[in-house]
Amino acid sequence: MADKSIDDYLATLGVEQRAIAQALRALVRTAAPGAREVIKWSQPVFEIDGPMCWIKAHKGHVTLGFWRGMQLPSAQGLIEGTGEKMGHIKLRTQADLKPAELQKLVREAMQLNRERGDPTRNP
């Protein structure tokens, strides 16, 4: 049996969640064109020098998460989280999509991974 693809994941979502997730995927692809797209931990994950960000659909929102979310220079006021590393943004409707802000966060996450390496192995 073939591994589940991101397209397979998106196909399981409701209309609004799918639209948000597809827009997020496009934003990540634009901001980090060299990122590898995989399904890990049952969700779409984007990798450059290790996992950088993920998309996860929940009942009432779609999350765009970052392994180093709390360390991103532009995170303040945008990223939620309680730890020192991971953080996320909850998008409840397509109106919550702020392309310029989200792409900036993705570029910052990509840069941190390039500077510090895989966040699952390095601080």
PDB file of N, CA and C in Angstrom:
ATOM      1  N   MET A   1       0.835  -1.185   0.000  1.00  0.00           N
ATOM      2  CA  MET A   1       0.000   0.000   0.000  1.00  0.00           C
ATOM      3  C   MET A   1       0.877   1.244   0.000  1.00  0.00           C
ATOM      4  N   ALA A   2       0.533   2.209  -0.809  1.00  0.00           N
ATOM      5  CA  ALA A   2       1.304   3.444  -0.922  1.00  0.00           C
ATOM      6  C   ALA A   2       1.107   4.319   0.307  1.00  0.00           C
ATOM      7  N   ASP A   3       2.128   5.112   0.614  1.00  0.00           N
ATOM      8  CA  ASP A   3       2.019   6.057   1.720  1.00  0.00           C
ATOM      9  C   ASP A   3       0.974   7.105   1.386  1.00  0.00           C
ATOM     10  N   LYS A   4       0.332   7.614   2.421  1.00  0.00           N
ATOM     11  CA  LYS A   4      -0.660   8.667   2.242  1.00  0.00           C
ATOM     12  C   LYS A   4       0.052   9.941   1.788  1.00  0.00           C
ATOM     13  N   SER A   5      -0.541  10.624   0.827  1.00  0.00           N
ATOM     14  CA  SER A   5       0.043  11.865   0.326  1.00  0.00           C
ATOM     15  C   SER A   5      -0.665  13.062   0.959  1.00  0.00           C
ATOM     16  N   ILE A   6      -0.099  14.229   0.751  1.00  0.00           N
ATOM     17  CA  ILE A   6      -0.742  15.444   1.235  1.00  0.00           C
ATOM     18  C   ILE A   6      -2.064  15.650   0.506  1.00  0.00           C
ATOM     19  N   ASP A   7      -2.122  15.321  -0.770  1.00  0.00           N
ATOM     20  CA  ASP A   7      -3.387  15.415  -1.499  1.00  0.00           C
ATOM     21  C   ASP A   7      -4.440  14.492  -0.883  1.00  0.00           C
ATOM     22  N   ASP A   8      -4.034  13.293  -0.477  1.00  0.00           N
ATOM     23  CA  ASP A   8      -4.958  12.372   0.201  1.00  0.00           C
ATOM     24  C   ASP A   8      -5.459  12.982   1.506  1.00  0.00           C
ATOM     25  N   TYR A   9      -4.545  13.589   2.267  1.00  0.00           N
ATOM     26  CA  TYR A   9      -4.917  14.231   3.531  1.00  0.00           C
ATOM     27  C   TYR A   9      -5.937  15.339   3.282  1.00  0.00           C
ATOM     28  N   LEU A  10      -5.656  16.189   2.312  1.00  0.00           N
ATOM     29  CA  LEU A  10      -6.549  17.309   2.005  1.00  0.00           C
ATOM     30  C   LEU A  10      -7.924  16.826   1.564  1.00  0.00           C
ATOM     31  N   ALA A  11      -7.973  15.713   0.851  1.00  0.00           N
ATOM     32  CA  ALA A  11      -9.237  15.182   0.353  1.00  0.00           C
ATOM     33  C   ALA A  11     -10.167  14.732   1.481  1.00  0.00           C
ATOM     34  N   THR A  12      -9.617  14.475   2.655  1.00  0.00           N
ATOM     35  CA  THR A  12     -10.443  14.029   3.791  1.00  0.00           C
ATOM     36  C   THR A  12     -11.092  15.188   4.542  1.00  0.00           C
ATOM     37  N   LEU A  13     -10.716  16.415   4.228  1.00  0.00           N
ATOM     38  CA  LEU A  13     -11.187  17.575   4.978  1.00  0.00           C
ATOM     39  C   LEU A  13     -12.499  18.121   4.427  1.00  0.00           C
ATOM     40  N   GLY A  14     -13.233  18.810   5.307  1.00  0.00           N
ATOM     41  CA  GLY A  14     -14.438  19.505   4.879  1.00  0.00           C
ATOM     42  C   GLY A  14     -14.072  20.670   3.975  1.00  0.00           C
ATOM     43  N   VAL A  15     -15.072  21.257   3.351  1.00  0.00           N
ATOM     44  CA  VAL A  15     -14.845  22.296   2.346  1.00  0.00           C
ATOM     45  C   VAL A  15     -14.037  23.472   2.897  1.00  0.00           C
ATOM     46  N   GLU A  16     -14.461  24.050   4.029  1.00  0.00           N
ATOM     47  CA  GLU A  16     -13.769  25.224   4.579  1.00  0.00           C
ATOM     48  C   GLU A  16     -12.358  24.869   5.036  1.00  0.00           C
ATOM     49  N   GLN A  17     -12.222  23.739   5.750  1.00  0.00           N
ATOM     50  CA  GLN A  17     -10.895  23.322   6.201  1.00  0.00           C
ATOM     51  C   GLN A  17      -9.976  23.048   5.021  1.00  0.00           C
ATOM     52  N   ARG A  18     -10.501  22.407   3.990  1.00  0.00           N
ATOM     53  CA  ARG A  18      -9.682  22.106   2.812  1.00  0.00           C
ATOM     54  C   ARG A  18      -9.207  23.389   2.139  1.00  0.00           C
ATOM     55  N   ALA A  19     -10.089  24.366   2.026  1.00  0.00           N
ATOM     56  CA  ALA A  19      -9.708  25.636   1.395  1.00  0.00           C
ATOM     57  C   ALA A  19      -8.600  26.323   2.190  1.00  0.00           C
ATOM     58  N   ILE A  20      -8.717  26.325   3.513  1.00  0.00           N
ATOM     59  CA  ILE A  20      -7.686  26.937   4.360  1.00  0.00           C
ATOM     60  C   ILE A  20      -6.374  26.168   4.223  1.00  0.00           C
ATOM     61  N   ALA A  21      -6.442  24.840   4.326  1.00  0.00           N
ATOM     62  CA  ALA A  21      -5.234  24.009   4.249  1.00  0.00           C
ATOM     63  C   ALA A  21      -4.555  24.140   2.888  1.00  0.00           C
ATOM     64  N   GLN A  22      -5.334  24.184   1.821  1.00  0.00           N
ATOM     65  CA  GLN A  22      -4.750  24.345   0.484  1.00  0.00           C
ATOM     66  C   GLN A  22      -4.073  25.707   0.348  1.00  0.00           C
ATOM     67  N   ALA A  23      -4.705  26.738   0.908  1.00  0.00           N
ATOM     68  CA  ALA A  23      -4.094  28.073   0.868  1.00  0.00           C
ATOM     69  C   ALA A  23      -2.798  28.094   1.669  1.00  0.00           C
ATOM     70  N   LEU A  24      -2.790  27.435   2.825  1.00  0.00           N
ATOM     71  CA  LEU A  24      -1.567  27.366   3.637  1.00  0.00           C
ATOM     72  C   LEU A  24      -0.464  26.621   2.898  1.00  0.00           C
ATOM     73  N   ARG A  25      -0.823  25.531   2.261  1.00  0.00           N
ATOM     74  CA  ARG A  25       0.162  24.771   1.485  1.00  0.00           C
ATOM     75  C   ARG A  25       0.773  25.647   0.395  1.00  0.00           C
ATOM     76  N   ALA A  26      -0.062  26.396  -0.299  1.00  0.00           N
ATOM     77  CA  ALA A  26       0.429  27.291  -1.356  1.00  0.00           C
ATOM     78  C   ALA A  26       1.336  28.373  -0.778  1.00  0.00           C
ATOM     79  N   LEU A  27       0.975  28.904   0.397  1.00  0.00           N
ATOM     80  CA  LEU A  27       1.803  29.922   1.048  1.00  0.00           C
ATOM     81  C   LEU A  27       3.179  29.369   1.400  1.00  0.00           C
ATOM     82  N   VAL A  28       3.198  28.156   1.957  1.00  0.00           N
ATOM     83  CA  VAL A  28       4.483  27.542   2.327  1.00  0.00           C
ATOM     84  C   VAL A  28       5.309  27.277   1.078  1.00  0.00           C
ATOM     85  N   ARG A  29       4.676  26.756   0.042  1.00  0.00           N
ATOM     86  CA  ARG A  29       5.404  26.483  -1.209  1.00  0.00           C
ATOM     87  C   ARG A  29       6.006  27.750  -1.803  1.00  0.00           C
ATOM     88  N   THR A  30       5.294  28.859  -1.701  1.00  0.00           N
ATOM     89  CA  THR A  30       5.793  30.129  -2.230  1.00  0.00           C
ATOM     90  C   THR A  30       6.950  30.648  -1.391  1.00  0.00           C
ATOM     91  N   ALA A  31       6.816  30.595  -0.079  1.00  0.00           N
ATOM     92  CA  ALA A  31       7.834  31.136   0.821  1.00  0.00           C
ATOM     93  C   ALA A  31       9.069  30.236   0.914  1.00  0.00           C
ATOM     94  N   ALA A  32       8.878  28.938   0.742  1.00  0.00           N
ATOM     95  CA  ALA A  32       9.981  27.974   0.858  1.00  0.00           C
ATOM     96  C   ALA A  32       9.897  26.983  -0.305  1.00  0.00           C
ATOM     97  N   PRO A  33      10.215  27.443  -1.518  1.00  0.00           N
ATOM     98  CA  PRO A  33      10.014  26.598  -2.694  1.00  0.00           C
ATOM     99  C   PRO A  33      10.815  25.297  -2.695  1.00  0.00           C
ATOM    100  N   GLY A  34      11.876  25.222  -1.941  1.00  0.00           N
ATOM    101  CA  GLY A  34      12.663  23.998  -1.895  1.00  0.00           C
ATOM    102  C   GLY A  34      12.244  23.035  -0.802  1.00  0.00           C
ATOM    103  N   ALA A  35      11.203  23.357  -0.073  1.00  0.00           N
ATOM    104  CA  ALA A  35      10.790  22.511   1.049  1.00  0.00           C
ATOM    105  C   ALA A  35      10.251  21.173   0.554  1.00  0.00           C
ATOM    106  N   ARG A  36      10.599  20.136   1.275  1.00  0.00           N
ATOM    107  CA  ARG A  36      10.093  18.795   1.005  1.00  0.00           C
ATOM    108  C   ARG A  36       8.752  18.652   1.721  1.00  0.00           C
ATOM    109  N   GLU A  37       7.753  18.127   1.028  1.00  0.00           N
ATOM    110  CA  GLU A  37       6.425  17.907   1.595  1.00  0.00           C
ATOM    111  C   GLU A  37       6.254  16.421   1.897  1.00  0.00           C
ATOM    112  N   VAL A  38       5.914  16.106   3.138  1.00  0.00           N
ATOM    113  CA  VAL A  38       5.710  14.715   3.537  1.00  0.00           C
ATOM    114  C   VAL A  38       4.555  14.643   4.541  1.00  0.00           C
ATOM    115  N   ILE A  39       4.035  13.438   4.688  1.00  0.00           N
ATOM    116  CA  ILE A  39       3.096  13.183   5.781  1.00  0.00           C
ATOM    117  C   ILE A  39       3.909  12.544   6.901  1.00  0.00           C
ATOM    118  N   LYS A  40       3.912  13.209   8.047  1.00  0.00           N
ATOM    119  CA  LYS A  40       4.552  12.691   9.262  1.00  0.00           C
ATOM    120  C   LYS A  40       3.632  13.020  10.418  1.00  0.00           C
ATOM    121  N   TRP A  41       3.601  12.132  11.367  1.00  0.00           N
ATOM    122  CA  TRP A  41       2.746  12.351  12.531  1.00  0.00           C
ATOM    123  C   TRP A  41       1.296  12.603  12.088  1.00  0.00           C
ATOM    124  N   SER A  42       0.899  11.943  11.000  1.00  0.00           N
ATOM    125  CA  SER A  42      -0.463  12.000  10.444  1.00  0.00           C
ATOM    126  C   SER A  42      -0.872  13.382   9.947  1.00  0.00           C
ATOM    127  N   GLN A  43       0.083  14.182   9.533  1.00  0.00           N
ATOM    128  CA  GLN A  43      -0.232  15.528   9.049  1.00  0.00           C
ATOM    129  C   GLN A  43       0.809  15.968   8.027  1.00  0.00           C
ATOM    130  N   PRO A  44       0.469  16.935   7.182  1.00  0.00           N
ATOM    131  CA  PRO A  44       1.455  17.465   6.242  1.00  0.00           C
ATOM    132  C   PRO A  44       2.565  18.213   6.985  1.00  0.00           C
ATOM    133  N   VAL A  45       3.797  17.869   6.652  1.00  0.00           N
ATOM    134  CA  VAL A  45       4.968  18.490   7.256  1.00  0.00           C
ATOM    135  C   VAL A  45       5.862  18.987   6.120  1.00  0.00           C
ATOM    136  N   PHE A  46       6.442  20.156   6.318  1.00  0.00           N
ATOM    137  CA  PHE A  46       7.336  20.767   5.335  1.00  0.00           C
ATOM    138  C   PHE A  46       8.730  20.819   5.946  1.00  0.00           C
ATOM    139  N   GLU A  47       9.714  20.321   5.187  1.00  0.00           N
ATOM    140  CA  GLU A  47      11.063  20.166   5.725  1.00  0.00           C
ATOM    141  C   GLU A  47      12.115  20.866   4.879  1.00  0.00           C
ATOM    142  N   ILE A  48      12.994  21.561   5.558  1.00  0.00           N
ATOM    143  CA  ILE A  48      14.255  22.061   5.022  1.00  0.00           C
ATOM    144  C   ILE A  48      15.223  21.928   6.190  1.00  0.00           C
ATOM    145  N   ASP A  49      16.216  21.083   6.047  1.00  0.00           N
ATOM    146  CA  ASP A  49      17.136  20.792   7.157  1.00  0.00           C
ATOM    147  C   ASP A  49      16.352  20.350   8.388  1.00  0.00           C
ATOM    148  N   GLY A  50      15.401  19.456   8.180  1.00  0.00           N
ATOM    149  CA  GLY A  50      14.539  18.952   9.245  1.00  0.00           C
ATOM    150  C   GLY A  50      13.162  19.586   9.158  1.00  0.00           C
ATOM    151  N   PRO A  51      12.236  19.117  10.004  1.00  0.00           N
ATOM    152  CA  PRO A  51      10.884  19.664   9.955  1.00  0.00           C
ATOM    153  C   PRO A  51      10.866  21.143  10.317  1.00  0.00           C
ATOM    154  N   MET A  52      10.105  21.902   9.550  1.00  0.00           N
ATOM    155  CA  MET A  52      10.068  23.351   9.699  1.00  0.00           C
ATOM    156  C   MET A  52       8.676  23.792  10.154  1.00  0.00           C
ATOM    157  N   CYS A  53       7.643  23.305   9.449  1.00  0.00           N
ATOM    158  CA  CYS A  53       6.277  23.664   9.812  1.00  0.00           C
ATOM    159  C   CYS A  53       5.327  22.543   9.409  1.00  0.00           C
ATOM    160  N   TRP A  54       4.102  22.622   9.917  1.00  0.00           N
ATOM    161  CA  TRP A  54       3.100  21.606   9.629  1.00  0.00           C
ATOM    162  C   TRP A  54       1.719  22.243   9.515  1.00  0.00           C
ATOM    163  N   ILE A  55       0.819  21.495   8.904  1.00  0.00           N
ATOM    164  CA  ILE A  55      -0.590  21.872   8.811  1.00  0.00           C
ATOM    165  C   ILE A  55      -1.391  20.755   9.465  1.00  0.00           C
ATOM    166  N   LYS A  56      -2.306  21.120  10.328  1.00  0.00           N
ATOM    167  CA  LYS A  56      -3.133  20.114  11.007  1.00  0.00           C
ATOM    168  C   LYS A  56      -4.561  20.633  11.093  1.00  0.00           C
ATOM    169  N   ALA A  57      -5.498  19.852  10.560  1.00  0.00           N
ATOM    170  CA  ALA A  57      -6.911  20.219  10.621  1.00  0.00           C
ATOM    171  C   ALA A  57      -7.511  19.721  11.927  1.00  0.00           C
ATOM    172  N   HIS A  58      -8.277  20.573  12.568  1.00  0.00           N
ATOM    173  CA  HIS A  58      -9.011  20.248  13.783  1.00  0.00           C
ATOM    174  C   HIS A  58     -10.486  20.533  13.517  1.00  0.00           C
ATOM    175  N   LYS A  59     -11.335  20.210  14.452  1.00  0.00           N
ATOM    176  CA  LYS A  59     -12.772  20.365  14.246  1.00  0.00           C
ATOM    177  C   LYS A  59     -13.173  21.802  13.879  1.00  0.00           C
ATOM    178  N   GLY A  60     -12.664  22.786  14.609  1.00  0.00           N
ATOM    179  CA  GLY A  60     -13.082  24.160  14.388  1.00  0.00           C
ATOM    180  C   GLY A  60     -12.043  25.071  13.774  1.00  0.00           C
ATOM    181  N   HIS A  61     -10.884  24.533  13.408  1.00  0.00           N
ATOM    182  CA  HIS A  61      -9.829  25.370  12.832  1.00  0.00           C
ATOM    183  C   HIS A  61      -8.774  24.515  12.144  1.00  0.00           C
ATOM    184  N   VAL A  62      -7.875  25.191  11.446  1.00  0.00           N
ATOM    185  CA  VAL A  62      -6.695  24.557  10.857  1.00  0.00           C
ATOM    186  C   VAL A  62      -5.489  25.240  11.476  1.00  0.00           C
ATOM    187  N   THR A  63      -4.542  24.449  11.904  1.00  0.00           N
ATOM    188  CA  THR A  63      -3.342  24.973  12.544  1.00  0.00           C
ATOM    189  C   THR A  63      -2.177  24.990  11.564  1.00  0.00           C
ATOM    190  N   LEU A  64      -1.454  26.096  11.550  1.00  0.00           N
ATOM    191  CA  LEU A  64      -0.149  26.164  10.905  1.00  0.00           C
ATOM    192  C   LEU A  64       0.837  26.230  12.054  1.00  0.00           C
ATOM    193  N   GLY A  65       1.607  25.170  12.220  1.00  0.00           N
ATOM    194  CA  GLY A  65       2.536  25.097  13.347  1.00  0.00           C
ATOM    195  C   GLY A  65       3.976  25.168  12.896  1.00  0.00           C
ATOM    196  N   PHE A  66       4.818  25.594  13.824  1.00  0.00           N
ATOM    197  CA  PHE A  66       6.253  25.747  13.563  1.00  0.00           C
ATOM    198  C   PHE A  66       7.045  25.092  14.679  1.00  0.00           C
ATOM    199  N   TRP A  67       8.052  24.282  14.306  1.00  0.00           N
ATOM    200  CA  TRP A  67       8.890  23.639  15.310  1.00  0.00           C
ATOM    201  C   TRP A  67       9.614  24.671  16.175  1.00  0.00           C
ATOM    202  N   ARG A  68      10.031  25.739  15.579  1.00  0.00           N
ATOM    203  CA  ARG A  68      10.723  26.796  16.325  1.00  0.00           C
ATOM    204  C   ARG A  68       9.843  28.054  16.394  1.00  0.00           C
ATOM    205  N   GLY A  69       8.557  27.857  16.512  1.00  0.00           N
ATOM    206  CA  GLY A  69       7.602  28.953  16.471  1.00  0.00           C
ATOM    207  C   GLY A  69       7.840  30.045  17.486  1.00  0.00           C
ATOM    208  N   MET A  70       8.222  29.668  18.695  1.00  0.00           N
ATOM    209  CA  MET A  70       8.429  30.656  19.750  1.00  0.00           C
ATOM    210  C   MET A  70       9.746  31.402  19.571  1.00  0.00           C
ATOM    211  N   GLN A  71      10.587  30.921  18.668  1.00  0.00           N
ATOM    212  CA  GLN A  71      11.880  31.551  18.415  1.00  0.00           C
ATOM    213  C   GLN A  71      11.887  32.421  17.155  1.00  0.00           C
ATOM    214  N   LEU A  72      10.780  32.447  16.433  1.00  0.00           N
ATOM    215  CA  LEU A  72      10.720  33.232  15.204  1.00  0.00           C
ATOM    216  C   LEU A  72      10.708  34.722  15.541  1.00  0.00           C
ATOM    217  N   PRO A  73      11.522  35.522  14.859  1.00  0.00           N
ATOM    218  CA  PRO A  73      11.576  36.955  15.164  1.00  0.00           C
ATOM    219  C   PRO A  73      10.226  37.668  15.077  1.00  0.00           C
ATOM    220  N   SER A  74       9.348  37.231  14.178  1.00  0.00           N
ATOM    221  CA  SER A  74       8.050  37.892  14.003  1.00  0.00           C
ATOM    222  C   SER A  74       6.911  37.195  14.741  1.00  0.00           C
ATOM    223  N   ALA A  75       7.240  36.284  15.649  1.00  0.00           N
ATOM    224  CA  ALA A  75       6.223  35.462  16.307  1.00  0.00           C
ATOM    225  C   ALA A  75       5.321  36.235  17.265  1.00  0.00           C
ATOM    226  N   GLN A  76       5.842  37.255  17.903  1.00  0.00           N
ATOM    227  CA  GLN A  76       5.101  37.946  18.953  1.00  0.00           C
ATOM    228  C   GLN A  76       3.757  38.463  18.440  1.00  0.00           C
ATOM    229  N   GLY A  77       2.709  38.083  19.146  1.00  0.00           N
ATOM    230  CA  GLY A  77       1.370  38.504  18.797  1.00  0.00           C
ATOM    231  C   GLY A  77       0.701  37.640  17.731  1.00  0.00           C
ATOM    232  N   LEU A  78       1.452  36.756  17.093  1.00  0.00           N
ATOM    233  CA  LEU A  78       0.901  35.888  16.054  1.00  0.00           C
ATOM    234  C   LEU A  78       0.869  34.420  16.465  1.00  0.00           C
ATOM    235  N   ILE A  79       1.939  33.973  17.091  1.00  0.00           N
ATOM    236  CA  ILE A  79       2.119  32.561  17.415  1.00  0.00           C
ATOM    237  C   ILE A  79       1.618  32.270  18.825  1.00  0.00           C
ATOM    238  N   GLU A  80       0.860  31.180  18.956  1.00  0.00           N
ATOM    239  CA  GLU A  80       0.410  30.689  20.256  1.00  0.00           C
ATOM    240  C   GLU A  80       1.302  29.529  20.675  1.00  0.00           C
ATOM    241  N   GLY A  81       1.460  29.364  21.962  1.00  0.00           N
ATOM    242  CA  GLY A  81       2.214  28.238  22.484  1.00  0.00           C
ATOM    243  C   GLY A  81       2.665  28.518  23.895  1.00  0.00           C
ATOM    244  N   THR A  82       2.981  27.461  24.605  1.00  0.00           N
ATOM    245  CA  THR A  82       3.397  27.618  25.992  1.00  0.00           C
ATOM    246  C   THR A  82       4.827  27.157  26.234  1.00  0.00           C
ATOM    247  N   GLY A  83       5.412  26.492  25.267  1.00  0.00           N
ATOM    248  CA  GLY A  83       6.777  25.997  25.436  1.00  0.00           C
ATOM    249  C   GLY A  83       7.803  27.003  24.961  1.00  0.00           C
ATOM    250  N   GLU A  84       9.045  26.562  24.941  1.00  0.00           N
ATOM    251  CA  GLU A  84      10.144  27.411  24.493  1.00  0.00           C
ATOM    252  C   GLU A  84      10.381  27.280  22.993  1.00  0.00           C
ATOM    253  N   LYS A  85       9.830  26.258  22.372  1.00  0.00           N
ATOM    254  CA  LYS A  85      10.149  25.977  20.983  1.00  0.00           C
ATOM    255  C   LYS A  85       8.922  26.034  20.079  1.00  0.00           C
ATOM    256  N   MET A  86       8.063  25.044  20.138  1.00  0.00           N
ATOM    257  CA  MET A  86       6.942  24.939  19.204  1.00  0.00           C
ATOM    258  C   MET A  86       5.887  26.010  19.429  1.00  0.00           C
ATOM    259  N   GLY A  87       5.292  26.437  18.327  1.00  0.00           N
ATOM    260  CA  GLY A  87       4.198  27.394  18.377  1.00  0.00           C
ATOM    261  C   GLY A  87       3.331  27.226  17.146  1.00  0.00           C
ATOM    262  N   HIS A  88       2.138  27.791  17.194  1.00  0.00           N
ATOM    263  CA  HIS A  88       1.195  27.605  16.092  1.00  0.00           C
ATOM    264  C   HIS A  88       0.264  28.805  15.950  1.00  0.00           C
ATOM    265  N   ILE A  89      -0.412  28.831  14.824  1.00  0.00           N
ATOM    266  CA  ILE A  89      -1.435  29.821  14.520  1.00  0.00           C
ATOM    267  C   ILE A  89      -2.703  29.045  14.171  1.00  0.00           C
ATOM    268  N   LYS A  90      -3.840  29.450  14.729  1.00  0.00           N
ATOM    269  CA  LYS A  90      -5.119  28.811  14.419  1.00  0.00           C
ATOM    270  C   LYS A  90      -5.865  29.678  13.410  1.00  0.00           C
ATOM    271  N   LEU A  91      -6.276  29.048  12.331  1.00  0.00           N
ATOM    272  CA  LEU A  91      -7.051  29.736  11.298  1.00  0.00           C
ATOM    273  C   LEU A  91      -8.448  29.113  11.270  1.00  0.00           C
ATOM    274  N   ARG A  92      -9.447  29.915  11.583  1.00  0.00           N
ATOM    275  CA  ARG A  92     -10.822  29.412  11.648  1.00  0.00           C
ATOM    276  C   ARG A  92     -11.597  29.629  10.351  1.00  0.00           C
ATOM    277  N   THR A  93     -11.236  30.666   9.611  1.00  0.00           N
ATOM    278  CA  THR A  93     -11.874  30.951   8.326  1.00  0.00           C
ATOM    279  C   THR A  93     -10.795  31.411   7.348  1.00  0.00           C
ATOM    280  N   GLN A  94     -11.154  31.473   6.090  1.00  0.00           N
ATOM    281  CA  GLN A  94     -10.203  31.937   5.090  1.00  0.00           C
ATOM    282  C   GLN A  94      -9.815  33.396   5.319  1.00  0.00           C
ATOM    283  N   ALA A  95     -10.687  34.146   5.986  1.00  0.00           N
ATOM    284  CA  ALA A  95     -10.383  35.548   6.289  1.00  0.00           C
ATOM    285  C   ALA A  95      -9.208  35.675   7.263  1.00  0.00           C
ATOM    286  N   ASP A  96      -8.907  34.601   8.003  1.00  0.00           N
ATOM    287  CA  ASP A  96      -7.777  34.618   8.934  1.00  0.00           C
ATOM    288  C   ASP A  96      -6.436  34.513   8.218  1.00  0.00           C
ATOM    289  N   LEU A  97      -6.453  34.151   6.953  1.00  0.00           N
ATOM    290  CA  LEU A  97      -5.211  34.023   6.182  1.00  0.00           C
ATOM    291  C   LEU A  97      -4.627  35.408   5.926  1.00  0.00           C
ATOM    292  N   LYS A  98      -3.413  35.609   6.352  1.00  0.00           N
ATOM    293  CA  LYS A  98      -2.673  36.851   6.120  1.00  0.00           C
ATOM    294  C   LYS A  98      -1.396  36.454   5.382  1.00  0.00           C
ATOM    295  N   PRO A  99      -1.459  36.371   4.052  1.00  0.00           N
ATOM    296  CA  PRO A  99      -0.341  35.808   3.285  1.00  0.00           C
ATOM    297  C   PRO A  99       1.023  36.416   3.590  1.00  0.00           C
ATOM    298  N   ALA A 100       1.131  37.724   3.639  1.00  0.00           N
ATOM    299  CA  ALA A 100       2.447  38.345   3.856  1.00  0.00           C
ATOM    300  C   ALA A 100       3.008  37.961   5.224  1.00  0.00           C
ATOM    301  N   GLU A 101       2.184  37.992   6.258  1.00  0.00           N
ATOM    302  CA  GLU A 101       2.640  37.651   7.614  1.00  0.00           C
ATOM    303  C   GLU A 101       3.037  36.179   7.701  1.00  0.00           C
ATOM    304  N   LEU A 102       2.202  35.308   7.129  1.00  0.00           N
ATOM    305  CA  LEU A 102       2.471  33.872   7.209  1.00  0.00           C
ATOM    306  C   LEU A 102       3.704  33.487   6.403  1.00  0.00           C
ATOM    307  N   GLN A 103       3.875  34.073   5.224  1.00  0.00           N
ATOM    308  CA  GLN A 103       5.068  33.775   4.433  1.00  0.00           C
ATOM    309  C   GLN A 103       6.328  34.263   5.130  1.00  0.00           C
ATOM    310  N   LYS A 104       6.243  35.390   5.812  1.00  0.00           N
ATOM    311  CA  LYS A 104       7.399  35.892   6.567  1.00  0.00           C
ATOM    312  C   LYS A 104       7.789  34.893   7.653  1.00  0.00           C
ATOM    313  N   LEU A 105       6.796  34.341   8.360  1.00  0.00           N
ATOM    314  CA  LEU A 105       7.073  33.342   9.398  1.00  0.00           C
ATOM    315  C   LEU A 105       7.702  32.091   8.800  1.00  0.00           C
ATOM    316  N   VAL A 106       7.203  31.649   7.662  1.00  0.00           N
ATOM    317  CA  VAL A 106       7.760  30.463   7.004  1.00  0.00           C
ATOM    318  C   VAL A 106       9.217  30.721   6.608  1.00  0.00           C
ATOM    319  N   ARG A 107       9.495  31.886   6.049  1.00  0.00           N
ATOM    320  CA  ARG A 107      10.883  32.210   5.668  1.00  0.00           C
ATOM    321  C   ARG A 107      11.789  32.251   6.904  1.00  0.00           C
ATOM    322  N   GLU A 108      11.288  32.804   8.001  1.00  0.00           N
ATOM    323  CA  GLU A 108      12.082  32.837   9.235  1.00  0.00           C
ATOM    324  C   GLU A 108      12.331  31.421   9.760  1.00  0.00           C
ATOM    325  N   ALA A 109      11.318  30.566   9.693  1.00  0.00           N
ATOM    326  CA  ALA A 109      11.481  29.175  10.140  1.00  0.00           C
ATOM    327  C   ALA A 109      12.509  28.454   9.267  1.00  0.00           C
ATOM    328  N   MET A 110      12.456  28.695   7.974  1.00  0.00           N
ATOM    329  CA  MET A 110      13.410  28.091   7.053  1.00  0.00           C
ATOM    330  C   MET A 110      14.834  28.561   7.386  1.00  0.00           C
ATOM    331  N   GLN A 111      14.988  29.835   7.641  1.00  0.00           N
ATOM    332  CA  GLN A 111      16.300  30.388   7.963  1.00  0.00           C
ATOM    333  C   GLN A 111      16.851  29.802   9.268  1.00  0.00           C
ATOM    334  N   LEU A 112      16.001  29.673  10.280  1.00  0.00           N
ATOM    335  CA  LEU A 112      16.460  29.087  11.544  1.00  0.00           C
ATOM    336  C   LEU A 112      16.916  27.646  11.342  1.00  0.00           C
ATOM    337  N   ASN A 113      16.178  26.883  10.542  1.00  0.00           N
ATOM    338  CA  ASN A 113      16.601  25.509  10.273  1.00  0.00           C
ATOM    339  C   ASN A 113      17.927  25.475   9.529  1.00  0.00           C
ATOM    340  N   ARG A 114      18.111  26.384   8.598  1.00  0.00           N
ATOM    341  CA  ARG A 114      19.379  26.413   7.857  1.00  0.00           C
ATOM    342  C   ARG A 114      20.543  26.786   8.768  1.00  0.00           C
ATOM    343  N   GLU A 115      20.289  27.691   9.712  1.00  0.00           N
ATOM    344  CA  GLU A 115      21.345  28.121  10.631  1.00  0.00           C
ATOM    345  C   GLU A 115      21.617  27.093  11.731  1.00  0.00           C
ATOM    346  N   ARG A 116      20.573  26.491  12.276  1.00  0.00           N
ATOM    347  CA  ARG A 116      20.698  25.640  13.457  1.00  0.00           C
ATOM    348  C   ARG A 116      20.531  24.150  13.197  1.00  0.00           C
ATOM    349  N   GLY A 117      20.079  23.787  11.996  1.00  0.00           N
ATOM    350  CA  GLY A 117      19.885  22.377  11.681  1.00  0.00           C
ATOM    351  C   GLY A 117      18.509  21.866  12.119  1.00  0.00           C
ATOM    352  N   ASP A 118      18.389  20.574  12.089  1.00  0.00           N
ATOM    353  CA  ASP A 118      17.138  19.884  12.395  1.00  0.00           C
ATOM    354  C   ASP A 118      16.658  20.209  13.813  1.00  0.00           C
ATOM    355  N   PRO A 119      15.461  20.796  13.952  1.00  0.00           N
ATOM    356  CA  PRO A 119      14.980  21.175  15.285  1.00  0.00           C
ATOM    357  C   PRO A 119      14.620  19.988  16.165  1.00  0.00           C
ATOM    358  N   THR A 120      14.502  18.799  15.581  1.00  0.00           N
ATOM    359  CA  THR A 120      14.244  17.627  16.408  1.00  0.00           C
ATOM    360  C   THR A 120      15.538  17.082  17.016  1.00  0.00           C
ATOM    361  N   ARG A 121      16.682  17.610  16.540  1.00  0.00           N
ATOM    362  CA  ARG A 121      17.974  17.155  17.049  1.00  0.00           C
ATOM    363  C   ARG A 121      18.802  18.289  17.698  1.00  0.00           C
ATOM    364  N   ASN A 122      18.506  19.532  17.291  1.00  0.00           N
ATOM    365  CA  ASN A 122      19.301  20.667  17.757  1.00  0.00           C
ATOM    366  C   ASN A 122      18.393  21.718  18.430  1.00  0.00           C
ATOM    367  N   PRO A 123      18.956  22.521  19.324  1.00  0.00           N
ATOM    368  CA  PRO A 123      18.145  23.561  19.985  1.00  0.00           C
ATOM    369  C   PRO A 123      17.730  24.670  19.039  1.00  0.00           C
TER     370      PRO A 123
END
